[in-house]
Amino acid sequence: MIKSKTTDSLSTHLSFSTYNAESEHNIKIEVNGKLVFGKAFAKKKQHDCRITDNFEYVRPGLNIVKILWDGDQECENKFLKIIKFVVNDQIIPNYSAMIIPLENEYIKDLKSTEQGMTVYKKKILYNGNYFGWYGTYRFQFVVDPHLLVQSQPSYSAIRGTGIKPDVIFTEKGLAKHTRVQKL
């Protein structure tokens, strides 16, 4: 029985591209609430970034990685494309990002009609890896779920939704038994 959570430093690779035709924009990345990356990007230029480092993840338990994207002004011609997200040589699928867009005028207008809400929900639920809205892109996954005790609050909250979370194992050999792909 696991009595307390520990942390493990796991290799992490995140690569992305970003562009904004009309203004500077910013990207910050947090791992479990800790800022690990922050950068401002110039307008009218595509920027390709690769972050490769070791970050601390809760083991066993739920971990959250957030990409926060915003800019000086809105424009139609902008994007954030997440190319690859890998933790401990195990891929976290790009499509598993939960999108929380900034509540700007465009989003408010979109949500004000039934047709707009359909578009809004479709973008949030079936996002792929190419994004056009400023906001928070939240990835959550469980490290070493086989070590979680079913009565732990984090385990109950994860399983209570009926959604299978992405999983990462500290022992890479265990990854072949999950739906997470190996490199």
N, C-alpha and C. Protein backbone atom coordinates (compact mmCIF):
# COMPACT_ATOMS: atom_id res chain seq x y z
N MET A 1 0.85 -1.18 0.00
CA MET A 1 0.00 0.00 0.00
C MET A 1 0.89 1.24 0.00
N ILE A 2 0.60 2.17 -0.91
CA ILE A 2 1.36 3.42 -1.00
C ILE A 2 0.78 4.40 0.01
N LYS A 3 1.62 4.92 0.91
CA LYS A 3 1.12 5.83 1.93
C LYS A 3 1.31 7.28 1.56
N SER A 4 2.37 7.58 0.84
CA SER A 4 2.59 8.97 0.46
C SER A 4 3.11 9.03 -0.97
N LYS A 5 2.90 10.14 -1.59
CA LYS A 5 3.36 10.31 -2.95
C LYS A 5 4.81 10.78 -2.95
N THR A 6 5.53 10.31 -3.91
CA THR A 6 6.90 10.77 -4.11
C THR A 6 6.97 11.41 -5.49
N THR A 7 8.10 11.99 -5.80
CA THR A 7 8.27 12.54 -7.13
C THR A 7 9.43 11.85 -7.82
N ASP A 8 9.32 11.77 -9.11
CA ASP A 8 10.39 11.23 -9.93
C ASP A 8 10.72 12.23 -11.01
N SER A 9 12.00 12.37 -11.27
CA SER A 9 12.45 13.21 -12.37
C SER A 9 12.45 12.34 -13.63
N LEU A 10 11.58 12.68 -14.57
CA LEU A 10 11.46 11.89 -15.79
C LEU A 10 11.83 12.74 -17.00
N SER A 11 12.51 12.11 -17.93
CA SER A 11 12.87 12.83 -19.16
C SER A 11 11.60 13.22 -19.90
N THR A 12 11.60 14.44 -20.40
CA THR A 12 10.43 14.99 -21.08
C THR A 12 10.89 15.68 -22.35
N HIS A 13 10.15 15.45 -23.42
CA HIS A 13 10.42 16.13 -24.68
C HIS A 13 9.10 16.71 -25.19
N LEU A 14 9.11 17.99 -25.47
CA LEU A 14 7.94 18.66 -26.02
C LEU A 14 8.41 19.52 -27.19
N SER A 15 7.85 19.27 -28.36
CA SER A 15 8.18 20.12 -29.51
C SER A 15 6.89 20.71 -30.07
N PHE A 16 7.00 22.00 -30.45
CA PHE A 16 5.83 22.70 -30.97
C PHE A 16 6.28 23.81 -31.91
N SER A 17 5.33 24.28 -32.73
CA SER A 17 5.52 25.43 -33.61
C SER A 17 4.45 26.44 -33.29
N THR A 18 4.78 27.71 -33.46
CA THR A 18 3.80 28.75 -33.20
C THR A 18 4.00 29.90 -34.18
N TYR A 19 2.90 30.63 -34.43
CA TYR A 19 2.93 31.73 -35.39
C TYR A 19 1.80 32.69 -35.06
N ASN A 20 2.04 33.98 -35.25
CA ASN A 20 1.00 35.01 -35.18
C ASN A 20 1.36 36.08 -36.19
N ALA A 21 0.45 36.36 -37.11
CA ALA A 21 0.72 37.31 -38.19
C ALA A 21 0.71 38.76 -37.74
N GLU A 22 0.03 39.08 -36.63
CA GLU A 22 -0.18 40.48 -36.28
C GLU A 22 0.41 40.96 -34.96
N SER A 23 0.83 40.05 -34.08
CA SER A 23 1.34 40.53 -32.79
C SER A 23 2.31 39.55 -32.16
N GLU A 24 3.06 40.07 -31.19
CA GLU A 24 3.87 39.19 -30.38
C GLU A 24 2.94 38.30 -29.57
N HIS A 25 3.44 37.13 -29.20
CA HIS A 25 2.64 36.20 -28.40
C HIS A 25 3.57 35.47 -27.46
N ASN A 26 2.99 34.87 -26.43
CA ASN A 26 3.76 34.26 -25.35
C ASN A 26 3.31 32.83 -25.11
N ILE A 27 4.27 31.99 -24.76
CA ILE A 27 3.96 30.63 -24.35
C ILE A 27 4.68 30.36 -23.04
N LYS A 28 3.91 29.83 -22.09
CA LYS A 28 4.46 29.38 -20.81
C LYS A 28 4.06 27.92 -20.66
N ILE A 29 4.93 27.15 -20.04
CA ILE A 29 4.63 25.74 -19.79
C ILE A 29 4.83 25.48 -18.30
N GLU A 30 3.83 24.84 -17.71
CA GLU A 30 3.87 24.47 -16.30
C GLU A 30 3.78 22.96 -16.17
N VAL A 31 4.55 22.41 -15.24
CA VAL A 31 4.45 21.00 -14.87
C VAL A 31 4.01 20.98 -13.42
N ASN A 32 2.80 20.49 -13.20
CA ASN A 32 2.22 20.44 -11.85
C ASN A 32 2.30 21.79 -11.14
N GLY A 33 1.97 22.86 -11.87
CA GLY A 33 1.91 24.19 -11.31
C GLY A 33 3.23 24.93 -11.25
N LYS A 34 4.31 24.27 -11.61
CA LYS A 34 5.64 24.90 -11.58
C LYS A 34 6.02 25.34 -13.00
N LEU A 35 6.33 26.62 -13.15
CA LEU A 35 6.73 27.17 -14.44
C LEU A 35 8.08 26.58 -14.85
N VAL A 36 8.12 25.94 -16.03
CA VAL A 36 9.36 25.33 -16.51
C VAL A 36 9.85 25.95 -17.81
N PHE A 37 8.99 26.78 -18.45
CA PHE A 37 9.36 27.42 -19.71
C PHE A 37 8.50 28.65 -19.90
N GLY A 38 9.09 29.70 -20.40
CA GLY A 38 8.36 30.91 -20.74
C GLY A 38 9.13 31.68 -21.79
N LYS A 39 8.43 32.08 -22.85
CA LYS A 39 9.11 32.79 -23.92
C LYS A 39 8.11 33.64 -24.70
N ALA A 40 8.58 34.82 -25.12
CA ALA A 40 7.80 35.70 -26.01
C ALA A 40 8.29 35.45 -27.44
N PHE A 41 7.35 35.46 -28.36
CA PHE A 41 7.67 35.19 -29.76
C PHE A 41 7.30 36.39 -30.63
N ALA A 42 8.13 36.68 -31.61
CA ALA A 42 7.91 37.80 -32.53
C ALA A 42 6.79 37.47 -33.51
N LYS A 43 6.15 38.53 -33.99
CA LYS A 43 5.08 38.35 -34.99
C LYS A 43 5.70 38.09 -36.37
N LYS A 44 4.85 37.58 -37.26
CA LYS A 44 5.18 37.34 -38.67
C LYS A 44 6.33 36.36 -38.89
N LYS A 45 6.54 35.46 -37.93
CA LYS A 45 7.60 34.47 -38.08
C LYS A 45 7.15 33.19 -37.40
N GLN A 46 7.31 32.05 -38.09
CA GLN A 46 7.03 30.77 -37.46
C GLN A 46 8.21 30.41 -36.57
N HIS A 47 7.89 30.01 -35.35
CA HIS A 47 8.91 29.62 -34.38
C HIS A 47 8.75 28.13 -34.08
N ASP A 48 9.84 27.39 -34.19
CA ASP A 48 9.85 25.96 -33.89
C ASP A 48 10.65 25.76 -32.61
N CYS A 49 10.04 25.14 -31.61
CA CYS A 49 10.69 24.97 -30.30
C CYS A 49 10.75 23.51 -29.91
N ARG A 50 11.85 23.16 -29.27
CA ARG A 50 12.02 21.83 -28.69
C ARG A 50 12.52 21.99 -27.26
N ILE A 51 11.78 21.41 -26.35
CA ILE A 51 12.17 21.43 -24.95
C ILE A 51 12.49 19.99 -24.56
N THR A 52 13.70 19.76 -24.12
CA THR A 52 14.11 18.44 -23.66
C THR A 52 14.80 18.63 -22.32
N ASP A 53 14.19 18.05 -21.28
CA ASP A 53 14.72 18.23 -19.93
C ASP A 53 14.11 17.17 -19.03
N ASN A 54 14.56 17.11 -17.80
CA ASN A 54 13.96 16.25 -16.79
C ASN A 54 13.09 17.11 -15.89
N PHE A 55 11.84 16.68 -15.68
CA PHE A 55 10.93 17.40 -14.82
C PHE A 55 10.40 16.47 -13.74
N GLU A 56 10.01 17.06 -12.63
CA GLU A 56 9.49 16.29 -11.50
C GLU A 56 8.01 15.98 -11.70
N TYR A 57 7.67 14.69 -11.61
CA TYR A 57 6.28 14.24 -11.72
C TYR A 57 5.91 13.48 -10.45
N VAL A 58 4.63 13.58 -10.07
CA VAL A 58 4.12 12.87 -8.91
C VAL A 58 4.06 11.38 -9.24
N ARG A 59 4.57 10.58 -8.32
CA ARG A 59 4.58 9.14 -8.53
C ARG A 59 4.14 8.45 -7.26
N PRO A 60 3.17 7.60 -7.26
CA PRO A 60 2.20 7.42 -8.33
C PRO A 60 1.13 8.51 -8.23
N GLY A 61 0.51 8.82 -9.34
CA GLY A 61 -0.56 9.78 -9.27
C GLY A 61 -0.74 10.62 -10.51
N LEU A 62 -1.69 11.52 -10.39
CA LEU A 62 -2.09 12.39 -11.47
C LEU A 62 -1.10 13.54 -11.63
N ASN A 63 -0.72 13.81 -12.88
CA ASN A 63 0.19 14.90 -13.21
C ASN A 63 -0.45 15.76 -14.29
N ILE A 64 -0.20 17.07 -14.22
CA ILE A 64 -0.81 18.00 -15.17
C ILE A 64 0.28 18.87 -15.78
N VAL A 65 0.30 18.90 -17.10
CA VAL A 65 1.19 19.78 -17.85
C VAL A 65 0.30 20.75 -18.61
N LYS A 66 0.56 22.05 -18.41
CA LYS A 66 -0.23 23.08 -19.08
C LYS A 66 0.65 23.89 -20.01
N ILE A 67 0.11 24.16 -21.20
CA ILE A 67 0.71 25.10 -22.12
C ILE A 67 -0.22 26.30 -22.15
N LEU A 68 0.28 27.46 -21.72
CA LEU A 68 -0.53 28.68 -21.67
C LEU A 68 -0.08 29.58 -22.81
N TRP A 69 -1.00 29.91 -23.71
CA TRP A 69 -0.69 30.68 -24.91
C TRP A 69 -1.56 31.92 -24.94
N ASP A 70 -0.92 33.09 -25.04
CA ASP A 70 -1.67 34.34 -25.20
C ASP A 70 -0.82 35.32 -25.99
N GLY A 71 -1.43 36.45 -26.31
CA GLY A 71 -0.71 37.43 -27.12
C GLY A 71 -1.21 38.84 -26.90
N ASP A 72 -0.51 39.78 -27.56
CA ASP A 72 -0.86 41.19 -27.43
C ASP A 72 -2.22 41.51 -28.02
N GLN A 73 -2.57 40.81 -29.09
CA GLN A 73 -3.88 41.03 -29.71
C GLN A 73 -4.32 39.78 -30.45
N GLU A 74 -5.61 39.68 -30.64
CA GLU A 74 -6.18 38.57 -31.39
C GLU A 74 -5.99 38.79 -32.88
N CYS A 75 -5.85 37.70 -33.60
CA CYS A 75 -5.88 37.76 -35.06
C CYS A 75 -6.29 36.40 -35.57
N GLU A 76 -6.79 36.38 -36.77
CA GLU A 76 -7.27 35.13 -37.35
C GLU A 76 -6.12 34.24 -37.79
N ASN A 77 -5.01 34.84 -38.20
CA ASN A 77 -3.90 34.09 -38.75
C ASN A 77 -2.84 33.82 -37.67
N LYS A 78 -3.13 32.82 -36.83
CA LYS A 78 -2.19 32.41 -35.78
C LYS A 78 -2.40 30.93 -35.51
N PHE A 79 -1.35 30.29 -34.95
CA PHE A 79 -1.51 28.89 -34.59
C PHE A 79 -0.50 28.46 -33.54
N LEU A 80 -0.84 27.39 -32.87
CA LEU A 80 0.04 26.64 -32.00
C LEU A 80 -0.12 25.20 -32.43
N LYS A 81 0.97 24.60 -32.87
CA LYS A 81 0.93 23.21 -33.31
C LYS A 81 1.84 22.39 -32.40
N ILE A 82 1.24 21.46 -31.69
CA ILE A 82 2.01 20.58 -30.81
C ILE A 82 2.44 19.39 -31.66
N ILE A 83 3.73 19.25 -31.82
CA ILE A 83 4.26 18.22 -32.70
C ILE A 83 4.44 16.90 -31.95
N LYS A 84 5.06 16.95 -30.77
CA LYS A 84 5.29 15.73 -30.02
C LYS A 84 5.42 16.05 -28.54
N PHE A 85 4.83 15.18 -27.71
CA PHE A 85 4.94 15.28 -26.26
C PHE A 85 5.26 13.89 -25.75
N VAL A 86 6.45 13.74 -25.16
CA VAL A 86 6.94 12.44 -24.72
C VAL A 86 7.45 12.56 -23.28
N VAL A 87 7.01 11.64 -22.42
CA VAL A 87 7.49 11.57 -21.04
C VAL A 87 8.04 10.16 -20.82
N ASN A 88 9.29 10.09 -20.39
CA ASN A 88 9.95 8.82 -20.11
C ASN A 88 9.86 7.86 -21.30
N ASP A 89 10.10 8.38 -22.50
CA ASP A 89 10.06 7.64 -23.76
C ASP A 89 8.68 7.08 -24.10
N GLN A 90 7.62 7.66 -23.53
CA GLN A 90 6.25 7.23 -23.79
C GLN A 90 5.45 8.43 -24.29
N ILE A 91 4.78 8.26 -25.40
CA ILE A 91 4.08 9.37 -26.06
C ILE A 91 2.76 9.69 -25.36
N ILE A 92 2.55 10.97 -25.11
CA ILE A 92 1.25 11.48 -24.67
C ILE A 92 0.60 12.00 -25.95
N PRO A 93 -0.55 11.46 -26.35
CA PRO A 93 -1.16 11.88 -27.62
C PRO A 93 -1.54 13.36 -27.62
N ASN A 94 -1.27 14.03 -28.73
CA ASN A 94 -1.59 15.45 -28.87
C ASN A 94 -3.09 15.70 -28.70
N TYR A 95 -3.90 14.79 -29.21
CA TYR A 95 -5.34 14.98 -29.16
C TYR A 95 -5.92 14.88 -27.76
N SER A 96 -5.10 14.48 -26.78
CA SER A 96 -5.62 14.36 -25.42
C SER A 96 -5.60 15.69 -24.66
N ALA A 97 -5.15 16.75 -25.30
CA ALA A 97 -5.14 18.07 -24.65
C ALA A 97 -6.56 18.55 -24.40
N MET A 98 -6.79 19.06 -23.20
CA MET A 98 -8.06 19.71 -22.89
C MET A 98 -7.86 21.21 -23.12
N ILE A 99 -8.70 21.77 -23.97
CA ILE A 99 -8.55 23.18 -24.33
C ILE A 99 -9.47 24.04 -23.48
N ILE A 100 -8.89 25.09 -22.92
CA ILE A 100 -9.67 26.08 -22.18
C ILE A 100 -9.34 27.43 -22.81
N PRO A 101 -10.15 27.85 -23.81
CA PRO A 101 -9.82 29.10 -24.51
C PRO A 101 -10.03 30.33 -23.65
N LEU A 102 -9.25 31.37 -23.94
CA LEU A 102 -9.46 32.66 -23.28
C LEU A 102 -10.82 33.21 -23.72
N GLU A 103 -11.55 33.77 -22.80
CA GLU A 103 -12.90 34.29 -23.10
C GLU A 103 -12.81 35.66 -23.77
N ASN A 104 -12.42 35.69 -25.02
CA ASN A 104 -12.39 36.95 -25.77
C ASN A 104 -13.72 37.14 -26.50
N GLU A 105 -13.84 38.21 -27.24
CA GLU A 105 -15.10 38.51 -27.95
C GLU A 105 -15.47 37.42 -28.95
N TYR A 106 -14.48 36.88 -29.65
CA TYR A 106 -14.76 35.83 -30.63
C TYR A 106 -15.36 34.60 -29.95
N ILE A 107 -14.78 34.17 -28.86
CA ILE A 107 -15.27 32.99 -28.14
C ILE A 107 -16.67 33.26 -27.57
N LYS A 108 -16.87 34.45 -27.02
CA LYS A 108 -18.19 34.81 -26.49
C LYS A 108 -19.24 34.79 -27.60
N ASP A 109 -18.91 35.36 -28.76
CA ASP A 109 -19.84 35.35 -29.89
C ASP A 109 -20.12 33.93 -30.37
N LEU A 110 -19.07 33.12 -30.43
CA LEU A 110 -19.22 31.74 -30.87
C LEU A 110 -20.16 30.97 -29.94
N LYS A 111 -20.03 31.18 -28.65
CA LYS A 111 -20.84 30.47 -27.67
C LYS A 111 -22.26 31.02 -27.56
N SER A 112 -22.54 32.13 -28.22
CA SER A 112 -23.86 32.76 -28.09
C SER A 112 -24.92 32.15 -29.01
N THR A 113 -24.52 31.32 -29.96
CA THR A 113 -25.50 30.69 -30.86
C THR A 113 -25.37 29.17 -30.78
N GLU A 114 -26.44 28.49 -31.17
CA GLU A 114 -26.42 27.02 -31.15
C GLU A 114 -25.39 26.48 -32.15
N GLN A 115 -25.35 27.07 -33.33
CA GLN A 115 -24.38 26.64 -34.35
C GLN A 115 -22.95 26.91 -33.87
N GLY A 116 -22.74 28.05 -33.24
CA GLY A 116 -21.43 28.40 -32.70
C GLY A 116 -21.00 27.45 -31.60
N MET A 117 -21.94 27.08 -30.75
CA MET A 117 -21.62 26.12 -29.67
C MET A 117 -21.20 24.77 -30.25
N THR A 118 -21.81 24.39 -31.35
CA THR A 118 -21.44 23.13 -32.01
C THR A 118 -19.99 23.20 -32.48
N VAL A 119 -19.62 24.30 -33.10
CA VAL A 119 -18.24 24.51 -33.55
C VAL A 119 -17.30 24.51 -32.35
N TYR A 120 -17.67 25.23 -31.31
CA TYR A 120 -16.87 25.35 -30.09
C TYR A 120 -16.61 23.97 -29.48
N LYS A 121 -17.65 23.18 -29.29
CA LYS A 121 -17.53 21.86 -28.69
C LYS A 121 -16.69 20.93 -29.57
N LYS A 122 -16.89 21.03 -30.88
CA LYS A 122 -16.13 20.18 -31.81
C LYS A 122 -14.63 20.48 -31.71
N LYS A 123 -14.28 21.76 -31.64
CA LYS A 123 -12.87 22.16 -31.53
C LYS A 123 -12.26 21.68 -30.22
N ILE A 124 -13.03 21.70 -29.15
CA ILE A 124 -12.53 21.29 -27.85
C ILE A 124 -12.40 19.77 -27.77
N LEU A 125 -13.38 19.05 -28.29
CA LEU A 125 -13.38 17.59 -28.17
C LEU A 125 -12.54 16.88 -29.23
N TYR A 126 -12.43 17.44 -30.42
CA TYR A 126 -11.70 16.78 -31.51
C TYR A 126 -10.65 17.73 -32.07
N ASN A 127 -9.69 18.07 -31.22
CA ASN A 127 -8.77 19.14 -31.56
C ASN A 127 -7.58 18.75 -32.40
N GLY A 128 -7.19 17.50 -32.45
CA GLY A 128 -6.00 17.13 -33.20
C GLY A 128 -4.76 17.71 -32.55
N ASN A 129 -3.88 18.32 -33.34
CA ASN A 129 -2.67 18.91 -32.77
C ASN A 129 -2.43 20.34 -33.25
N TYR A 130 -3.40 20.90 -33.94
CA TYR A 130 -3.26 22.23 -34.53
C TYR A 130 -4.31 23.14 -33.91
N PHE A 131 -3.84 24.19 -33.20
CA PHE A 131 -4.75 25.02 -32.42
C PHE A 131 -4.70 26.47 -32.89
N GLY A 132 -5.82 27.17 -32.80
CA GLY A 132 -5.87 28.55 -33.23
C GLY A 132 -6.41 29.51 -32.19
N TRP A 133 -6.71 29.04 -30.99
CA TRP A 133 -7.27 29.89 -29.95
C TRP A 133 -6.25 30.09 -28.84
N TYR A 134 -6.13 31.33 -28.39
CA TYR A 134 -5.35 31.58 -27.18
C TYR A 134 -6.04 30.89 -26.02
N GLY A 135 -5.25 30.40 -25.08
CA GLY A 135 -5.83 29.76 -23.92
C GLY A 135 -4.87 28.79 -23.27
N THR A 136 -5.44 27.87 -22.50
CA THR A 136 -4.67 26.85 -21.79
C THR A 136 -4.92 25.51 -22.45
N TYR A 137 -3.83 24.80 -22.70
CA TYR A 137 -3.87 23.45 -23.27
C TYR A 137 -3.34 22.53 -22.18
N ARG A 138 -4.24 21.73 -21.63
CA ARG A 138 -3.95 20.96 -20.42
C ARG A 138 -3.87 19.47 -20.75
N PHE A 139 -2.72 18.89 -20.43
CA PHE A 139 -2.53 17.45 -20.56
C PHE A 139 -2.50 16.87 -19.15
N GLN A 140 -3.22 15.79 -18.95
CA GLN A 140 -3.12 15.12 -17.66
C GLN A 140 -2.90 13.64 -17.90
N PHE A 141 -2.07 13.06 -17.06
CA PHE A 141 -1.75 11.65 -17.18
C PHE A 141 -1.37 11.13 -15.79
N VAL A 142 -1.41 9.83 -15.68
CA VAL A 142 -1.12 9.18 -14.41
C VAL A 142 0.23 8.47 -14.54
N VAL A 143 1.09 8.70 -13.57
CA VAL A 143 2.36 7.98 -13.52
C VAL A 143 2.18 6.79 -12.59
N ASP A 144 2.57 5.64 -13.10
CA ASP A 144 2.52 4.37 -12.35
C ASP A 144 1.15 4.08 -11.73
N PRO A 145 0.11 3.97 -12.56
CA PRO A 145 -1.23 3.72 -12.01
C PRO A 145 -1.35 2.39 -11.28
N HIS A 146 -0.49 1.43 -11.61
CA HIS A 146 -0.54 0.13 -10.94
C HIS A 146 -0.16 0.23 -9.46
N LEU A 147 0.45 1.34 -9.05
CA LEU A 147 0.82 1.53 -7.65
C LEU A 147 -0.23 2.30 -6.85
N LEU A 148 -1.25 2.82 -7.54
CA LEU A 148 -2.29 3.57 -6.84
C LEU A 148 -3.21 2.62 -6.09
N VAL A 149 -3.59 3.01 -4.91
CA VAL A 149 -4.55 2.25 -4.12
C VAL A 149 -5.93 2.75 -4.52
N GLN A 150 -6.86 1.85 -4.76
CA GLN A 150 -8.16 2.24 -5.29
C GLN A 150 -8.90 3.23 -4.41
N SER A 151 -8.61 3.28 -3.14
CA SER A 151 -9.32 4.20 -2.26
C SER A 151 -8.68 5.59 -2.21
N GLN A 152 -7.51 5.77 -2.84
CA GLN A 152 -6.89 7.10 -2.84
C GLN A 152 -7.76 8.08 -3.60
N PRO A 153 -7.90 9.32 -3.09
CA PRO A 153 -8.75 10.31 -3.76
C PRO A 153 -8.37 10.54 -5.23
N SER A 154 -7.08 10.58 -5.54
CA SER A 154 -6.69 10.82 -6.92
C SER A 154 -7.14 9.68 -7.83
N TYR A 155 -7.07 8.46 -7.34
CA TYR A 155 -7.50 7.31 -8.12
C TYR A 155 -9.01 7.36 -8.34
N SER A 156 -9.75 7.64 -7.29
CA SER A 156 -11.21 7.70 -7.39
C SER A 156 -11.66 8.78 -8.37
N ALA A 157 -11.04 9.94 -8.31
CA ALA A 157 -11.42 11.04 -9.19
C ALA A 157 -11.13 10.69 -10.65
N ILE A 158 -10.02 10.03 -10.88
CA ILE A 158 -9.65 9.66 -12.25
C ILE A 158 -10.61 8.61 -12.79
N ARG A 159 -10.85 7.56 -12.03
CA ARG A 159 -11.69 6.46 -12.50
C ARG A 159 -13.17 6.82 -12.50
N GLY A 160 -13.58 7.78 -11.67
CA GLY A 160 -14.99 8.16 -11.57
C GLY A 160 -15.55 8.78 -12.83
N THR A 161 -14.70 9.33 -13.69
CA THR A 161 -15.17 9.96 -14.91
C THR A 161 -15.50 8.95 -15.99
N GLY A 162 -14.96 7.74 -15.88
CA GLY A 162 -15.17 6.75 -16.93
C GLY A 162 -14.22 6.92 -18.10
N ILE A 163 -13.39 7.92 -18.04
CA ILE A 163 -12.42 8.18 -19.10
C ILE A 163 -11.10 7.55 -18.70
N LYS A 164 -10.52 6.77 -19.59
CA LYS A 164 -9.23 6.18 -19.28
C LYS A 164 -8.16 7.24 -19.47
N PRO A 165 -7.40 7.52 -18.41
CA PRO A 165 -6.35 8.53 -18.54
C PRO A 165 -5.14 7.97 -19.28
N ASP A 166 -4.35 8.85 -19.85
CA ASP A 166 -3.08 8.44 -20.40
C ASP A 166 -2.20 8.06 -19.23
N VAL A 167 -1.32 7.09 -19.44
CA VAL A 167 -0.48 6.62 -18.36
C VAL A 167 0.99 6.62 -18.78
N ILE A 168 1.83 6.82 -17.79
CA ILE A 168 3.28 6.78 -17.96
C ILE A 168 3.81 5.86 -16.87
N PHE A 169 4.75 5.00 -17.24
CA PHE A 169 5.38 4.12 -16.26
C PHE A 169 6.83 4.53 -16.07
N THR A 170 7.27 4.48 -14.82
CA THR A 170 8.68 4.76 -14.57
C THR A 170 9.53 3.58 -15.02
N GLU A 171 8.97 2.38 -14.99
CA GLU A 171 9.63 1.21 -15.56
C GLU A 171 9.16 1.08 -17.00
N LYS A 172 10.02 1.45 -17.94
CA LYS A 172 9.62 1.54 -19.34
C LYS A 172 9.08 0.23 -19.90
N GLY A 173 9.51 -0.91 -19.37
CA GLY A 173 9.04 -2.20 -19.85
C GLY A 173 7.55 -2.41 -19.63
N LEU A 174 6.97 -1.74 -18.64
CA LEU A 174 5.54 -1.88 -18.37
C LEU A 174 4.69 -1.14 -19.41
N ALA A 175 5.28 -0.20 -20.14
CA ALA A 175 4.52 0.63 -21.09
C ALA A 175 3.92 -0.18 -22.22
N LYS A 176 4.49 -1.31 -22.56
CA LYS A 176 3.95 -2.11 -23.67
C LYS A 176 2.57 -2.67 -23.37
N HIS A 177 2.16 -2.64 -22.12
CA HIS A 177 0.86 -3.18 -21.73
C HIS A 177 -0.24 -2.12 -21.70
N THR A 178 0.06 -0.93 -22.16
CA THR A 178 -0.91 0.15 -22.12
C THR A 178 -1.20 0.63 -23.52
N ARG A 179 -2.12 1.62 -23.60
CA ARG A 179 -2.44 2.20 -24.90
C ARG A 179 -1.47 3.32 -25.27
N VAL A 180 -0.53 3.66 -24.38
CA VAL A 180 0.48 4.66 -24.69
C VAL A 180 1.51 4.02 -25.60
N GLN A 181 1.85 4.71 -26.68
CA GLN A 181 2.79 4.17 -27.66
C GLN A 181 4.22 4.36 -27.21
N LYS A 182 5.04 3.44 -27.61
CA LYS A 182 6.48 3.55 -27.36
C LYS A 182 7.11 4.32 -28.53
N LEU A 183 8.24 4.95 -28.28
CA LEU A 183 8.98 5.62 -29.36
C LEU A 183 9.56 4.63 -30.32
